Amino acid sequence: MTQFNIYAAKARLSKLIQKALLGEEVIITRNNKPVVKIVPLRPPKRTRKLGTAKGLVTIAPDFDAPQI
């Protein structure tokens, strides 16, 4: 975990963003109290479209028949 005050964070913003992208926790402080944490954004989850595999899966008529 790395902490920077606001003034230092302004001067090193691109480096702080790079650290966050690499997985390091970056905290920005004001008066030695944490106020902001820089974290990378996660890509949005794609919404699933129902019915896209329709007709691709077939089930045998005797799928639940006892096997001997």
C-alpha atoms as a PDB file:
ATOM      1  CA  MET A   1       0.000   0.000   0.000  1.00  0.00           C
ATOM      2  CA  THR A   2       1.420   3.343  -1.061  1.00  0.00           C
ATOM      3  CA  GLN A   3       0.225   6.671   0.351  1.00  0.00           C
ATOM      4  CA  PHE A   4       0.683  10.115  -1.179  1.00  0.00           C
ATOM      5  CA  ASN A   5      -0.619  13.496  -0.134  1.00  0.00           C
ATOM      6  CA  ILE A   6      -2.709  15.418  -2.649  1.00  0.00           C
ATOM      7  CA  TYR A   7       0.129  17.703  -3.727  1.00  0.00           C
ATOM      8  CA  ALA A   8       2.482  14.778  -4.452  1.00  0.00           C
ATOM      9  CA  ALA A   9      -0.309  12.839  -6.176  1.00  0.00           C
ATOM     10  CA  LYS A  10      -0.939  15.734  -8.577  1.00  0.00           C
ATOM     11  CA  ALA A  11       2.711  15.711  -9.599  1.00  0.00           C
ATOM     12  CA  ARG A  12       2.837  11.904 -10.069  1.00  0.00           C
ATOM     13  CA  LEU A  13      -0.674  11.051 -11.258  1.00  0.00           C
ATOM     14  CA  SER A  14       0.340   8.997 -14.304  1.00  0.00           C
ATOM     15  CA  LYS A  15       2.802   6.961 -12.220  1.00  0.00           C
ATOM     16  CA  LEU A  16       0.162   6.354  -9.548  1.00  0.00           C
ATOM     17  CA  ILE A  17      -2.301   5.159 -12.174  1.00  0.00           C
ATOM     18  CA  GLN A  18       0.316   2.763 -13.533  1.00  0.00           C
ATOM     19  CA  LYS A  19       0.930   1.385 -10.034  1.00  0.00           C
ATOM     20  CA  ALA A  20      -2.796   0.810  -9.557  1.00  0.00           C
ATOM     21  CA  LEU A  21      -3.028  -0.964 -12.914  1.00  0.00           C
ATOM     22  CA  LEU A  22      -0.234  -3.285 -11.801  1.00  0.00           C
ATOM     23  CA  GLY A  23      -2.239  -4.230  -8.705  1.00  0.00           C
ATOM     24  CA  GLU A  24      -0.714  -1.993  -6.055  1.00  0.00           C
ATOM     25  CA  GLU A  25      -3.068  -0.201  -3.691  1.00  0.00           C
ATOM     26  CA  VAL A  26      -2.615   3.578  -3.978  1.00  0.00           C
ATOM     27  CA  ILE A  27      -4.078   5.845  -1.291  1.00  0.00           C
ATOM     28  CA  ILE A  28      -4.257   9.646  -1.501  1.00  0.00           C
ATOM     29  CA  THR A  29      -4.323  11.484   1.807  1.00  0.00           C
ATOM     30  CA  ARG A  30      -5.294  14.914   3.060  1.00  0.00           C
ATOM     31  CA  ASN A  31      -3.824  16.015   6.399  1.00  0.00           C
ATOM     32  CA  ASN A  32      -2.440  12.477   6.832  1.00  0.00           C
ATOM     33  CA  LYS A  33      -5.933  10.964   6.627  1.00  0.00           C
ATOM     34  CA  PRO A  34      -6.846   8.644   3.722  1.00  0.00           C
ATOM     35  CA  VAL A  35      -9.500  10.168   1.450  1.00  0.00           C
ATOM     36  CA  VAL A  36      -9.187   8.390  -1.920  1.00  0.00           C
ATOM     37  CA  LYS A  37      -8.079   4.988  -3.162  1.00  0.00           C
ATOM     38  CA  ILE A  38      -7.040   4.566  -6.807  1.00  0.00           C
ATOM     39  CA  VAL A  39      -8.142   1.240  -8.268  1.00  0.00           C
ATOM     40  CA  PRO A  40      -8.392   0.045 -11.877  1.00  0.00           C
ATOM     41  CA  LEU A  41     -11.826  -0.237 -13.439  1.00  0.00           C
ATOM     42  CA  ARG A  42     -13.054  -3.697 -14.322  1.00  0.00           C
ATOM     43  CA  PRO A  43     -14.471  -4.182 -17.802  1.00  0.00           C
ATOM     44  CA  PRO A  44     -18.273  -4.281 -17.721  1.00  0.00           C
ATOM     45  CA  LYS A  45     -19.832  -7.702 -17.826  1.00  0.00           C
ATOM     46  CA  ARG A  46     -21.408  -8.502 -21.140  1.00  0.00           C
ATOM     47  CA  THR A  47     -25.109  -9.151 -20.961  1.00  0.00           C
ATOM     48  CA  ARG A  48     -26.127 -12.567 -22.146  1.00  0.00           C
ATOM     49  CA  LYS A  49     -28.475 -12.881 -25.035  1.00  0.00           C
ATOM     50  CA  LEU A  50     -30.966 -15.681 -24.463  1.00  0.00           C
ATOM     51  CA  GLY A  51     -31.680 -18.125 -27.254  1.00  0.00           C
ATOM     52  CA  THR A  52     -28.382 -17.870 -29.102  1.00  0.00           C
ATOM     53  CA  ALA A  53     -27.794 -21.656 -28.893  1.00  0.00           C
ATOM     54  CA  LYS A  54     -31.336 -22.586 -29.871  1.00  0.00           C
ATOM     55  CA  GLY A  55     -31.295 -25.660 -32.092  1.00  0.00           C
ATOM     56  CA  LEU A  56     -27.649 -26.505 -31.366  1.00  0.00           C
ATOM     57  CA  VAL A  57     -28.359 -28.916 -28.520  1.00  0.00           C
ATOM     58  CA  THR A  58     -30.449 -32.035 -29.053  1.00  0.00           C
ATOM     59  CA  ILE A  59     -31.505 -34.577 -26.463  1.00  0.00           C
ATOM     60  CA  ALA A  60     -32.279 -38.180 -27.365  1.00  0.00           C
ATOM     61  CA  PRO A  61     -35.896 -39.196 -26.717  1.00  0.00           C
ATOM     62  CA  ASP A  62     -34.732 -41.930 -24.322  1.00  0.00           C
ATOM     63  CA  PHE A  63     -32.233 -39.808 -22.363  1.00  0.00           C
ATOM     64  CA  ASP A  64     -33.748 -40.822 -19.019  1.00  0.00           C
ATOM     65  CA  ALA A  65     -34.301 -44.517 -19.793  1.00  0.00           C
ATOM     66  CA  PRO A  66     -32.633 -46.932 -17.384  1.00  0.00           C
ATOM     67  CA  GLN A  67     -29.390 -48.348 -18.684  1.00  0.00           C
ATOM     68  CA  ILE A  68     -28.871 -52.083 -18.507  1.00  0.00           C
END
